[in-house]
Protein backbone atom coordinates (compact mmCIF):
# COMPACT_ATOMS: atom_id res chain seq x y z
CA MET A 1 -16.05 13.91 -8.45
CA LYS A 2 -15.00 13.25 -4.85
CA THR A 3 -12.58 10.41 -4.05
CA LYS A 4 -11.64 8.50 -0.92
CA VAL A 5 -9.11 5.82 -0.07
CA LEU A 6 -10.00 2.92 2.23
CA ALA A 7 -7.93 -0.04 3.39
CA ASP A 8 -8.99 -3.63 3.86
CA PRO A 9 -8.77 -4.72 7.53
CA ASP A 10 -5.98 -7.18 6.58
CA VAL A 11 -3.95 -4.24 5.25
CA ILE A 12 -4.37 -2.37 8.52
CA ASP A 13 -3.26 -5.49 10.43
CA TYR A 14 -0.23 -5.78 8.14
CA LEU A 15 0.77 -2.17 8.80
CA TYR A 16 0.70 -2.79 12.56
CA GLU A 17 2.86 -5.89 12.02
CA LEU A 18 5.18 -3.92 9.76
CA VAL A 19 6.06 -1.58 12.63
CA ASP A 20 7.31 -4.56 14.64
CA ILE A 21 9.06 -6.17 11.67
CA LEU A 22 11.00 -3.02 10.80
CA TYR A 23 12.09 -2.54 14.40
CA GLU A 24 12.93 -6.20 15.11
CA LYS A 25 14.98 -6.54 11.91
CA GLN A 26 16.79 -3.35 12.95
CA TYR A 27 15.85 -1.23 9.98
CA PHE A 28 15.26 1.40 12.66
CA SER A 29 17.07 1.79 15.97
CA PHE A 30 14.01 3.09 17.78
CA GLU A 31 10.49 1.75 17.68
CA GLU A 32 9.17 5.31 17.39
CA ASP A 33 11.06 5.69 14.10
CA SER A 34 9.47 2.50 12.80
CA VAL A 35 6.02 3.80 13.76
CA GLU A 36 6.73 7.12 12.05
CA TYR A 37 7.86 5.39 8.84
CA VAL A 38 4.68 3.28 8.64
CA VAL A 39 2.41 6.22 9.47
CA GLU A 40 4.09 8.33 6.76
CA LEU A 41 3.73 5.48 4.26
CA PHE A 42 0.03 5.11 5.00
CA GLU A 43 -0.57 8.88 4.90
CA ASP A 44 1.20 9.04 1.54
CA ILE A 45 -1.07 6.28 0.22
CA ILE A 46 -4.25 7.90 1.57
CA THR A 47 -3.30 11.32 0.19
CA ASN A 48 -1.71 10.46 -3.13
CA LEU A 49 -3.12 7.16 -4.41
CA PRO A 50 -5.79 8.81 -6.59
CA LYS A 51 -3.07 10.96 -8.23
CA LYS A 52 -0.64 8.12 -8.92
CA ARG A 53 -0.08 6.41 -12.23
CA ARG A 54 -1.64 2.98 -11.99
CA LYS A 55 -1.13 -0.30 -13.80
CA PRO A 56 -2.98 -3.64 -13.91
CA ALA A 57 -1.84 -5.99 -11.15
CA PRO A 58 -0.20 -9.32 -12.01
CA LYS A 59 -2.54 -12.28 -12.49
CA HIS A 60 -1.10 -14.21 -9.54
CA LEU A 61 -2.64 -11.62 -7.19
CA LYS A 62 -6.14 -12.41 -8.47
CA LYS A 63 -7.11 -13.80 -5.05
CA TYR A 64 -7.14 -10.20 -3.78
CA GLY A 65 -9.57 -9.04 -6.46
CA GLU A 66 -10.44 -9.55 -10.12
CA ASN A 67 -9.60 -6.09 -11.45
CA LEU A 68 -6.75 -5.08 -9.18
CA GLU A 69 -4.47 -2.25 -10.11
CA TYR A 70 -1.31 -1.06 -8.43
CA ALA A 71 0.68 2.10 -7.84
CA ALA A 72 4.23 2.62 -6.57
CA PHE A 73 5.34 4.69 -3.58
CA LYS A 74 9.11 5.18 -3.38
CA LYS A 75 10.23 5.70 0.23
CA ASN A 76 14.01 5.72 -0.26
CA LYS A 77 16.62 4.62 -2.79
CA ARG A 78 16.29 0.95 -1.78
CA THR A 79 12.59 0.53 -1.07
CA THR A 80 9.48 1.07 -3.16
CA TRP A 81 6.09 0.08 -1.77
CA TYR A 82 3.41 -1.21 -4.12
CA THR A 83 -0.22 -0.67 -3.24
CA PHE A 84 -2.73 -3.04 -4.86
CA PHE A 85 -6.31 -1.80 -4.99
CA ASP A 86 -9.77 -1.91 -6.52
CA ILE A 87 -11.61 1.17 -7.72
CA TYR A 88 -15.37 1.45 -7.59
CA LYS A 89 -18.10 4.06 -7.45
CA ASP A 90 -20.24 4.60 -4.36
CA ASN A 91 -22.99 7.07 -5.24
CA GLU A 92 -21.09 10.12 -6.50
CA GLU A 93 -17.77 9.11 -4.96
CA ILE A 94 -14.83 7.18 -6.39
CA VAL A 95 -13.46 4.72 -3.82
CA TYR A 96 -9.96 3.23 -3.87
CA LEU A 97 -9.96 0.09 -1.73
CA VAL A 98 -6.43 -0.99 -0.84
CA ARG A 99 -6.27 -4.80 -0.72
CA LEU A 100 -2.53 -5.41 -0.35
CA ILE A 101 0.71 -3.55 0.30
CA GLU A 102 4.06 -5.12 -0.58
CA ASN A 103 7.53 -3.78 -1.26
CA ASN A 104 10.02 -4.31 -4.06
CA HIS A 105 11.88 -6.92 -1.99
CA THR A 106 8.87 -9.25 -2.02
CA VAL A 107 6.89 -8.53 -5.18
CA ALA A 108 9.14 -6.85 -7.77
CA GLN A 109 9.84 -10.08 -9.64
CA TYR A 110 6.14 -10.28 -10.55
CA LEU A 111 5.70 -6.72 -11.82
């Protein structure tokens, strides 16, 4: 069965903001490096989310969806990104709808 990964518009907005946050907080010296990091993160999610091991999301994230699951994407030794998503069928296709992206610095205490 065919699969596809989509992102909620709020997630796309967050990724654009993340570029600025990473650069302004000097995680990267050049804005281009910040852009590249976020693009690589998103491409990793789009490509690999259906293959990742998934777990039920914590109850406190219920406002993003009733049956949320999450998967981890480790970017370096200090940062793991968690993608929270719904899965549903659309005709003969399985759709992963990303509702939220957070990292271990903001959400790990709940997982």
